[in-house]
Protein backbone atom coordinates (compact mmCIF):
# COMPACT_ATOMS: atom_id res chain seq x y z
CA MET A 1 6.25 -35.13 6.74
CA LEU A 2 4.35 -32.44 4.83
CA THR A 3 3.87 -30.38 7.98
CA PHE A 4 7.59 -30.51 8.76
CA LEU A 5 8.44 -29.57 5.17
CA GLY A 6 5.95 -26.70 5.29
CA PHE A 7 7.18 -25.09 8.48
CA SER A 8 10.80 -25.61 7.44
CA MET A 9 10.03 -23.94 4.12
CA ILE A 10 8.45 -20.92 5.86
CA VAL A 11 11.45 -20.53 8.18
CA VAL A 12 13.92 -20.74 5.29
CA PHE A 13 11.79 -18.42 3.15
CA MET A 14 11.58 -15.76 5.87
CA TYR A 15 15.26 -16.04 6.72
CA LEU A 16 16.37 -15.63 3.10
CA ILE A 17 14.22 -12.52 2.59
CA MET A 18 14.82 -10.83 5.94
CA SER A 19 18.57 -11.47 5.85
CA LYS A 20 18.59 -10.19 2.24
CA ARG A 21 20.22 -13.38 1.00
CA LEU A 22 17.63 -13.49 -1.79
CA SER A 23 15.18 -11.05 -3.28
CA ALA A 24 11.47 -11.62 -2.68
CA PHE A 25 11.11 -12.72 -6.32
CA SER A 26 13.88 -15.32 -6.10
CA ALA A 27 12.74 -16.67 -2.74
CA LEU A 28 9.10 -16.96 -3.82
CA THR A 29 10.15 -18.88 -6.93
CA VAL A 30 13.02 -21.09 -5.78
CA VAL A 31 12.18 -22.02 -2.17
CA PRO A 32 8.84 -23.81 -2.80
CA ILE A 33 10.33 -25.69 -5.77
CA VAL A 34 13.25 -26.96 -3.67
CA PHE A 35 11.04 -28.08 -0.78
CA ALA A 36 8.48 -29.69 -3.11
CA LEU A 37 11.28 -31.72 -4.72
CA LEU A 38 12.53 -32.71 -1.25
CA GLY A 39 9.01 -33.95 -0.52
CA GLY A 40 9.08 -36.19 -3.61
CA PHE A 41 6.86 -34.03 -5.83
CA THR A 42 8.20 -33.93 -9.37
CA ASP A 43 5.21 -32.92 -11.51
CA LEU A 44 5.31 -29.24 -10.50
CA GLY A 45 4.47 -27.73 -13.88
CA PRO A 46 0.66 -27.97 -13.61
CA MET A 47 0.78 -26.63 -10.04
CA MET A 48 2.83 -23.61 -11.07
CA MET A 49 0.63 -22.90 -14.09
CA LYS A 50 -2.51 -23.06 -11.95
CA GLY A 51 -0.99 -20.55 -9.54
CA LEU A 52 0.02 -18.26 -12.42
CA GLU A 53 -3.45 -18.45 -13.97
CA THR A 54 -5.01 -17.47 -10.65
CA ILE A 55 -2.75 -14.45 -10.20
CA ALA A 56 -2.72 -13.22 -13.83
CA PRO A 57 -5.78 -10.87 -13.63
CA THR A 58 -4.31 -9.17 -10.55
CA ALA A 59 -0.95 -8.72 -12.26
CA ILE A 60 -2.62 -7.16 -15.31
CA MET A 61 -4.56 -4.76 -13.09
CA ILE A 62 -1.37 -3.73 -11.27
CA ILE A 63 0.47 -3.03 -14.55
CA PHE A 64 -2.15 -0.67 -15.89
CA ALA A 65 -2.99 0.95 -12.53
CA ILE A 66 0.68 1.95 -12.08
CA LEU A 67 0.78 3.24 -15.65
CA TYR A 68 -2.48 5.16 -15.25
CA PHE A 69 -1.55 6.98 -12.05
CA GLY A 70 2.05 7.45 -13.15
CA VAL A 71 0.96 9.21 -16.34
CA LEU A 72 -1.48 11.39 -14.40
CA ILE A 73 1.36 12.58 -12.17
CA ASP A 74 3.43 13.25 -15.30
CA THR A 75 0.64 15.44 -16.68
CA GLY A 76 0.72 17.59 -13.54
CA LEU A 77 -2.78 16.68 -12.38
CA PHE A 78 -1.83 17.33 -8.75
CA ASP A 79 0.02 20.62 -9.35
CA PRO A 80 -3.02 22.94 -9.04
CA LEU A 81 -4.08 21.08 -5.91
CA VAL A 82 -0.67 21.58 -4.31
CA ALA A 83 -0.64 25.28 -5.22
CA LYS A 84 -4.18 25.79 -3.90
CA ILE A 85 -3.45 24.08 -0.58
CA ILE A 86 -0.22 26.06 -0.10
CA LYS A 87 -2.10 29.30 -0.75
CA MET A 88 -4.91 28.38 1.67
CA VAL A 89 -2.79 27.36 4.66
CA GLY A 90 -0.78 30.59 4.82
CA GLY A 91 1.28 30.90 8.00
CA ASP A 92 -1.11 29.08 10.36
CA PRO A 93 0.53 25.90 11.73
CA LEU A 94 -2.87 24.27 12.26
CA LYS A 95 -3.89 24.85 8.63
CA ILE A 96 -0.46 23.73 7.44
CA VAL A 97 -0.69 20.38 9.22
CA MET A 98 -4.27 19.88 8.05
CA GLY A 99 -3.17 20.78 4.51
CA THR A 100 -0.37 18.23 4.82
CA ALA A 101 -2.96 15.58 5.69
CA VAL A 102 -5.35 16.46 2.86
CA LEU A 103 -2.61 16.51 0.22
CA SER A 104 -1.09 13.28 1.56
CA LEU A 105 -4.41 11.42 1.48
CA ILE A 106 -5.10 12.52 -2.10
CA VAL A 107 -1.63 11.93 -3.55
CA ALA A 108 -1.35 8.58 -1.74
CA LEU A 109 -4.21 7.27 -3.87
CA ASP A 110 -1.57 6.16 -6.38
CA GLY A 111 -0.33 3.63 -3.79
CA ASP A 112 3.33 4.63 -4.17
CA GLY A 113 4.97 5.82 -0.94
CA THR A 114 8.02 7.27 -2.64
CA ILE A 115 5.99 9.49 -4.98
CA THR A 116 3.70 10.57 -2.13
CA TYR A 117 6.61 11.57 0.08
CA LEU A 118 8.36 13.42 -2.73
CA ILE A 119 5.30 15.50 -3.61
CA VAL A 120 4.16 16.27 -0.05
CA VAL A 121 7.59 17.01 1.44
CA THR A 122 8.66 19.13 -1.52
CA ALA A 123 5.45 21.17 -1.21
CA PHE A 124 5.45 21.70 2.56
CA LEU A 125 9.05 21.56 3.78
CA PRO A 126 9.74 25.26 3.00
CA LEU A 127 6.71 26.23 5.12
CA TYR A 128 7.76 24.00 8.02
CA ASN A 129 11.28 25.44 7.89
CA ARG A 130 10.07 29.04 7.60
CA LEU A 131 7.79 28.73 10.66
CA GLY A 132 10.14 26.50 12.67
CA MET A 133 7.58 23.69 12.81
CA ASN A 134 8.44 20.17 13.94
CA LYS A 135 9.55 18.23 10.85
CA LEU A 136 8.60 14.95 12.53
CA ILE A 137 4.99 15.98 11.91
CA LEU A 138 5.74 16.33 8.19
CA ALA A 139 7.15 12.79 8.28
CA CYS A 140 4.32 11.36 10.38
CA ILE A 141 1.26 12.55 8.47
CA PRO A 142 2.17 11.26 4.97
CA ALA A 143 3.25 7.93 6.48
CA LEU A 144 -0.14 7.60 8.23
CA ALA A 145 -1.93 8.46 4.99
CA MET A 146 0.03 5.81 3.08
CA GLY A 147 -0.95 3.27 5.74
CA ILE A 148 -4.56 3.64 4.61
CA MET A 149 -4.21 4.40 0.92
CA ASN A 150 -1.80 1.48 0.59
CA LEU A 151 -4.96 -0.66 0.75
CA THR A 152 -6.17 0.49 -2.66
CA PRO A 153 -6.66 -2.39 -5.13
CA TRP A 154 -3.42 -1.46 -6.93
CA GLY A 155 -1.41 -1.24 -3.71
CA GLY A 156 1.13 -3.95 -2.90
CA PRO A 157 -0.43 -5.33 0.32
CA ALA A 158 -3.90 -5.66 -1.23
CA VAL A 159 -2.46 -7.59 -4.16
CA GLN A 160 -0.48 -9.88 -1.86
CA ALA A 161 -3.45 -10.52 0.43
CA THR A 162 -5.60 -11.29 -2.61
CA ALA A 163 -3.06 -13.80 -3.86
CA ALA A 164 -2.64 -15.37 -0.42
CA VAL A 165 -6.34 -16.14 0.08
CA LYS A 166 -7.19 -16.55 -3.63
CA ALA A 167 -9.97 -13.94 -3.58
CA ASP A 168 -11.18 -11.27 -5.97
CA VAL A 169 -9.58 -7.95 -5.09
CA THR A 170 -12.90 -6.10 -5.30
CA ASP A 171 -14.62 -8.56 -2.95
CA LEU A 172 -11.68 -8.25 -0.57
CA LEU A 173 -11.49 -4.46 -0.40
CA LEU A 174 -15.00 -3.03 -0.85
CA PRO A 175 -16.15 -4.17 2.63
CA LEU A 176 -13.09 -2.42 4.11
CA ILE A 177 -14.18 1.01 2.86
CA PRO A 178 -15.86 1.91 6.22
CA SER A 179 -12.60 1.06 7.99
CA MET A 180 -10.60 3.17 5.54
CA ILE A 181 -13.00 6.09 6.03
CA ALA A 182 -12.68 5.74 9.81
CA GLY A 183 -8.89 5.63 9.47
CA THR A 184 -8.99 8.78 7.33
CA ILE A 185 -11.07 10.60 9.97
CA TRP A 186 -8.59 9.46 12.63
CA ILE A 187 -5.68 10.88 10.62
CA LEU A 188 -7.48 14.20 10.20
CA GLY A 189 -8.10 14.19 13.97
CA VAL A 190 -4.42 13.50 14.68
CA SER A 191 -3.47 16.29 12.27
CA TYR A 192 -5.81 18.71 14.03
CA PHE A 193 -4.32 17.76 17.41
CA LEU A 194 -0.73 18.17 16.22
CA GLY A 195 -1.57 21.37 14.34
CA ARG A 196 -3.21 22.98 17.37
CA ARG A 197 -0.17 22.09 19.45
CA GLU A 198 2.13 23.74 16.91
CA ARG A 199 -0.11 26.80 16.66
CA LYS A 200 -0.03 27.16 20.45
CA ARG A 201 3.77 26.84 20.43
CA LEU A 202 4.52 29.13 17.47
CA GLY A 203 1.47 31.30 16.85
CA VAL A 204 0.26 32.39 13.40
CA ILE A 205 2.90 34.00 11.17
CA ASP A 206 2.31 36.17 8.09
CA ILE A 207 3.64 34.60 4.89
CA ASP A 208 4.27 37.02 2.02
CA THR A 209 3.43 36.38 -1.62
CA GLU A 210 7.10 36.27 -2.58
CA PHE A 211 7.66 33.27 -0.32
CA ASN A 212 4.72 31.41 -1.91
CA ASP A 213 6.34 32.05 -5.28
CA GLU A 214 9.57 30.52 -3.96
CA ILE A 215 7.65 27.37 -2.97
CA ALA A 216 6.01 27.18 -6.40
CA ALA A 217 9.45 27.43 -8.01
CA ALA A 218 10.77 24.66 -5.74
CA LEU A 219 7.97 22.36 -6.85
CA ASP A 220 9.06 22.69 -10.48
CA VAL A 221 12.70 21.85 -9.83
CA GLY A 222 13.74 18.78 -11.76
CA MET A 223 10.37 18.52 -13.53
CA ASP A 224 10.22 18.44 -17.30
CA ALA A 225 7.63 21.07 -18.21
CA SER A 226 7.19 19.55 -21.67
CA ILE A 227 5.33 16.53 -20.26
CA LYS A 228 2.86 18.63 -18.24
CA ARG A 229 -0.67 18.97 -19.63
CA PRO A 230 -2.33 21.79 -17.63
CA LYS A 231 -4.96 22.39 -20.33
CA LEU A 232 -6.21 18.83 -19.88
CA PHE A 233 -6.57 19.10 -16.08
CA TRP A 234 -10.37 18.86 -16.04
CA PHE A 235 -10.44 16.02 -18.54
CA ASN A 236 -7.95 14.00 -16.49
CA LEU A 237 -9.78 14.73 -13.24
CA ILE A 238 -13.21 13.78 -14.59
CA LEU A 239 -11.81 10.62 -16.21
CA THR A 240 -10.24 9.58 -12.90
CA LEU A 241 -13.46 10.20 -10.97
CA LEU A 242 -15.42 8.17 -13.51
CA LEU A 243 -12.85 5.37 -13.31
CA LEU A 244 -13.00 5.25 -9.51
CA THR A 245 -16.82 5.28 -9.62
CA ALA A 246 -16.86 2.40 -12.10
CA LEU A 247 -14.40 0.56 -9.87
CA VAL A 248 -16.65 0.87 -6.79
CA LEU A 249 -19.79 -0.07 -8.76
CA GLY A 250 -18.06 -3.05 -10.34
CA PHE A 251 -19.01 -1.83 -13.83
CA LEU A 252 -16.21 -3.90 -15.39
CA PRO A 253 -13.44 -6.11 -13.99
CA LEU A 254 -10.56 -4.03 -12.59
CA PRO A 255 -7.97 -5.11 -15.19
CA ALA A 256 -10.31 -4.03 -18.00
CA LEU A 257 -11.13 -0.70 -16.31
CA PHE A 258 -7.48 0.29 -15.89
CA MET A 259 -6.53 -0.89 -19.38
CA ILE A 260 -9.28 1.27 -20.89
CA GLY A 261 -8.47 4.21 -18.61
CA PHE A 262 -4.77 4.06 -19.43
CA ALA A 263 -5.42 3.84 -23.18
CA ILE A 264 -7.67 6.92 -23.04
CA VAL A 265 -5.33 8.99 -20.86
CA MET A 266 -2.37 8.21 -23.11
CA ILE A 267 -4.19 8.94 -26.38
CA VAL A 268 -5.56 12.25 -25.14
CA ASN A 269 -2.51 13.53 -23.24
CA TYR A 270 0.28 12.16 -25.42
CA PRO A 271 -1.04 11.58 -28.96
CA ASN A 272 2.53 11.41 -30.32
CA LEU A 273 3.75 7.79 -30.35
CA GLN A 274 7.28 8.74 -29.30
CA ASP A 275 5.91 10.57 -26.25
CA GLN A 276 3.89 7.47 -25.37
CA LYS A 277 7.00 5.29 -25.56
CA GLU A 278 8.88 7.67 -23.28
CA ARG A 279 6.08 7.61 -20.68
CA LEU A 280 6.04 3.80 -20.80
CA HIS A 281 9.81 3.62 -20.32
CA ALA A 282 9.64 6.10 -17.44
CA HIS A 283 7.37 3.79 -15.44
CA ALA A 284 8.66 0.41 -16.61
CA GLY A 285 10.99 0.00 -13.62
CA ASN A 286 8.20 0.29 -11.04
CA ILE A 287 6.02 -2.11 -13.00
CA LEU A 288 8.72 -4.76 -13.39
CA THR A 289 9.59 -4.69 -9.68
CA VAL A 290 6.01 -5.19 -8.53
CA VAL A 291 4.63 -7.49 -11.20
CA SER A 292 7.58 -9.89 -11.21
CA MET A 293 6.95 -10.50 -7.51
CA ILE A 294 3.23 -11.03 -8.15
CA PHE A 295 3.93 -13.76 -10.70
CA ALA A 296 6.47 -15.32 -8.35
CA ALA A 297 3.73 -15.37 -5.71
CA GLY A 298 1.62 -17.34 -8.18
CA ILE A 299 4.36 -20.00 -8.34
CA PHE A 300 4.58 -20.05 -4.52
CA THR A 301 0.86 -20.42 -3.84
CA GLY A 302 0.38 -22.89 -6.69
CA ILE A 303 3.02 -25.25 -5.28
CA ILE A 304 2.05 -25.09 -1.60
CA ASP A 305 -1.59 -25.68 -2.56
CA GLY A 306 -0.92 -28.39 -5.13
CA THR A 307 1.40 -30.38 -2.88
CA GLY A 308 -0.98 -30.17 0.10
CA ILE A 309 1.68 -28.49 2.25
CA VAL A 310 -0.55 -25.61 3.33
CA LYS A 311 -3.38 -27.99 4.28
CA ALA A 312 -1.05 -30.14 6.36
CA MET A 313 0.24 -27.10 8.23
CA ALA A 314 -3.29 -25.85 8.82
CA ASP A 315 -4.35 -29.24 10.20
CA THR A 316 -1.52 -29.02 12.73
CA LEU A 317 -2.59 -25.55 13.84
CA ILE A 318 -6.22 -26.65 14.13
CA ALA A 319 -5.14 -29.37 16.54
CA VAL A 320 -3.47 -26.88 18.91
CA ILE A 321 -5.84 -23.88 18.72
CA PRO A 322 -8.51 -24.02 21.46
CA ASP A 323 -12.04 -24.14 20.06
CA ALA A 324 -12.93 -20.99 22.04
CA LEU A 325 -10.35 -18.97 20.09
CA GLY A 326 -11.28 -20.34 16.67
CA PRO A 327 -14.16 -17.93 15.91
CA LYS A 328 -11.94 -14.99 16.94
CA LEU A 329 -9.18 -15.76 14.44
CA THR A 330 -10.00 -12.77 12.25
CA VAL A 331 -9.46 -10.29 15.08
CA ILE A 332 -6.34 -12.17 16.16
CA VAL A 333 -4.95 -11.92 12.61
CA ALA A 334 -5.78 -8.18 12.50
CA LEU A 335 -3.89 -7.58 15.75
CA ILE A 336 -0.84 -9.72 14.95
CA SER A 337 -0.58 -8.14 11.49
CA MET A 338 0.74 -4.97 13.17
CA PRO A 339 3.92 -6.42 14.74
CA PHE A 340 4.37 -9.04 12.00
CA THR A 341 4.36 -6.54 9.13
CA PHE A 342 6.57 -4.17 11.14
CA PHE A 343 9.29 -6.72 11.86
CA MET A 344 9.14 -8.51 8.52
CA ALA A 345 8.48 -7.59 4.92
CA ASN A 346 4.98 -8.01 3.51
CA ALA A 347 5.95 -10.93 1.29
CA PRO A 348 6.82 -13.46 4.03
CA PHE A 349 3.78 -12.42 6.05
CA TYR A 350 1.25 -12.67 3.23
CA PHE A 351 2.71 -15.69 1.48
CA GLY A 352 4.16 -17.50 4.49
CA ILE A 353 1.68 -16.96 7.33
CA ILE A 354 -1.67 -15.87 5.87
CA PRO A 355 -2.30 -18.98 3.70
CA ILE A 356 -1.86 -21.13 6.83
CA MET A 357 -4.14 -18.91 8.90
CA SER A 358 -6.67 -18.92 6.07
CA GLU A 359 -6.76 -22.70 5.86
CA THR A 360 -6.96 -22.95 9.65
CA ALA A 361 -9.83 -20.45 9.84
CA ALA A 362 -11.82 -22.46 7.29
CA HIS A 363 -12.01 -25.26 9.85
CA PHE A 364 -13.88 -22.89 12.18
CA GLY A 365 -16.25 -21.74 9.43
CA ILE A 366 -14.44 -18.48 8.70
CA PRO A 367 -14.11 -17.64 4.97
CA PRO A 368 -10.57 -17.06 3.70
CA LEU A 369 -11.78 -13.64 2.51
CA GLU A 370 -12.13 -12.45 6.13
CA ILE A 371 -8.59 -13.52 6.97
CA GLY A 372 -7.33 -11.58 3.95
CA GLN A 373 -9.25 -8.49 5.06
CA ALA A 374 -8.00 -8.79 8.65
CA SER A 375 -4.41 -9.16 7.48
CA LEU A 376 -4.53 -5.70 5.84
CA LEU A 377 -5.54 -3.78 8.94
CA GLY A 378 -2.02 -3.65 10.40
CA GLN A 379 -0.60 -1.81 7.38
CA PRO A 380 -0.49 1.63 9.07
CA LEU A 381 2.33 0.38 11.30
CA HIS A 382 4.07 -1.40 8.42
CA LEU A 383 4.74 1.95 6.74
CA LEU A 384 7.05 2.82 9.67
CA SER A 385 9.07 -0.39 9.35
CA PRO A 386 12.82 -0.02 8.68
CA LEU A 387 12.27 -2.80 6.11
CA GLN A 388 10.10 -0.42 4.06
CA GLY A 389 12.28 1.20 1.40
CA SER A 390 10.27 4.40 1.03
CA ILE A 391 10.86 5.33 4.69
CA TYR A 392 14.48 6.15 3.82
CA VAL A 393 13.31 8.50 1.07
CA LEU A 394 11.09 10.26 3.62
CA VAL A 395 13.68 10.70 6.39
CA GLY A 396 16.34 11.59 3.82
CA LEU A 397 14.24 14.39 2.33
CA LEU A 398 13.60 15.81 5.79
CA GLY A 399 17.04 15.19 7.27
CA ILE A 400 15.65 13.49 10.39
CA ASP A 401 16.68 10.35 12.26
CA ILE A 402 14.68 7.23 11.41
CA GLY A 403 14.47 6.25 15.08
CA ASP A 404 12.99 9.63 16.01
CA HIS A 405 10.45 9.27 13.20
CA ILE A 406 9.35 5.80 14.33
CA ARG A 407 9.09 6.81 17.99
CA PHE A 408 7.05 9.90 17.13
CA ALA A 409 4.65 8.29 14.65
CA ALA A 410 4.22 4.73 16.02
CA LYS A 411 1.50 5.56 18.57
CA TYR A 412 -0.58 7.33 15.94
CA ALA A 413 -0.06 4.47 13.44
CA ILE A 414 -1.15 1.90 16.03
CA GLY A 415 -4.18 4.09 16.75
CA THR A 416 -5.06 4.09 13.03
CA ALA A 417 -4.87 0.29 12.86
CA LEU A 418 -6.96 -0.17 16.00
CA VAL A 419 -9.64 2.27 14.79
CA MET A 420 -9.85 0.42 11.47
CA THR A 421 -10.07 -2.95 13.23
CA ILE A 422 -12.80 -1.78 15.63
CA VAL A 423 -14.87 -0.40 12.74
CA ALA A 424 -14.40 -3.67 10.82
CA VAL A 425 -15.80 -5.57 13.82
CA LEU A 426 -18.70 -3.12 14.29
CA PHE A 427 -19.68 -3.41 10.61
CA GLY A 428 -19.54 -7.20 10.77
CA ILE A 429 -16.60 -7.45 8.38
CA LEU A 430 -14.61 -9.36 10.98
CA SER A 431 -16.38 -12.03 13.02
CA ILE A 432 -15.82 -12.15 16.77
């Protein structure tokens, strides 16, 4: 009975999200409650509270990470970097594509695809147009970069994977650093390949100083100069480097680190209370969208755990999976995460499929943590999914067809995911 309820719930949950009948928040909250009541479970309060308590530290970290990086972008921390890269690349297509990759990888650290695409495309599109370069490259490289940097602790997939396997986000992500480094090297290699091809096709063109000034002016369009803090550039940069170092070393829990970092960056950059309120309001929408879903995920996982639904479903899978394939579940999850996260949103994958795979893997002696790590390795392809909202910002800015973008970038995205998976196996992160 529980197994039937569980699989029925997953089907309904996925259908409601993918058909856009309900938002991810509503589906995560309502669907498990309805199916638990159908199964005769009435005392759902303690289950929901347990799920919320488990997810609360992650939600707090997400709130203050979004605020921290959002305020840094407001201060103009990345502006000198953009200007420096534009000046360095000149009219060489190879340098331009490599510059696109470097800027994308740095800006994508904030974990927000829309912001990354806005900054990178605004900076480089005039150069691509001036030289007649292929704009599909300008779409491809930032999308590949987001596929890796989306795995930062404050990125959506990492948070969802953490909730799905009930692990600490630091324990989940630190072992994946070698894979992320390998993926970064792969992206730089792809950029070099594409840049050389463009250089061979177009040659190197002289770019005059006046044109660079035009690009600089374009970057300031629509930006409120009053919120920029160029004099505090070095303070903000050093603070961010210290914060990231403390994060890697585990100096303090992540929620505490980002709360302290945000408090400092606000006090120093915007000492006026009214300015602080305005910065909070400017980023409130992003926070509400993400964090509301995280708390809804707490309700979802609390109910399917408390009712025993996830265990019943896992027992069924254990009965049908051959023993020879059991130890290889982590690699299987890494590979299936590519098509699954391309054809469906992250929420149904991480909250519908991964908890079942995690429980099943435990039967074969595989820690849930490994399943969570494996589930993240298909993210490079997910960033090309038509279900990903930021992709429409990217193709809209460039005026290209979404189908052309996917066809051009998919092979490189799959390559990124495979490289990351291979490195994870070689470093013993994934058992095989």
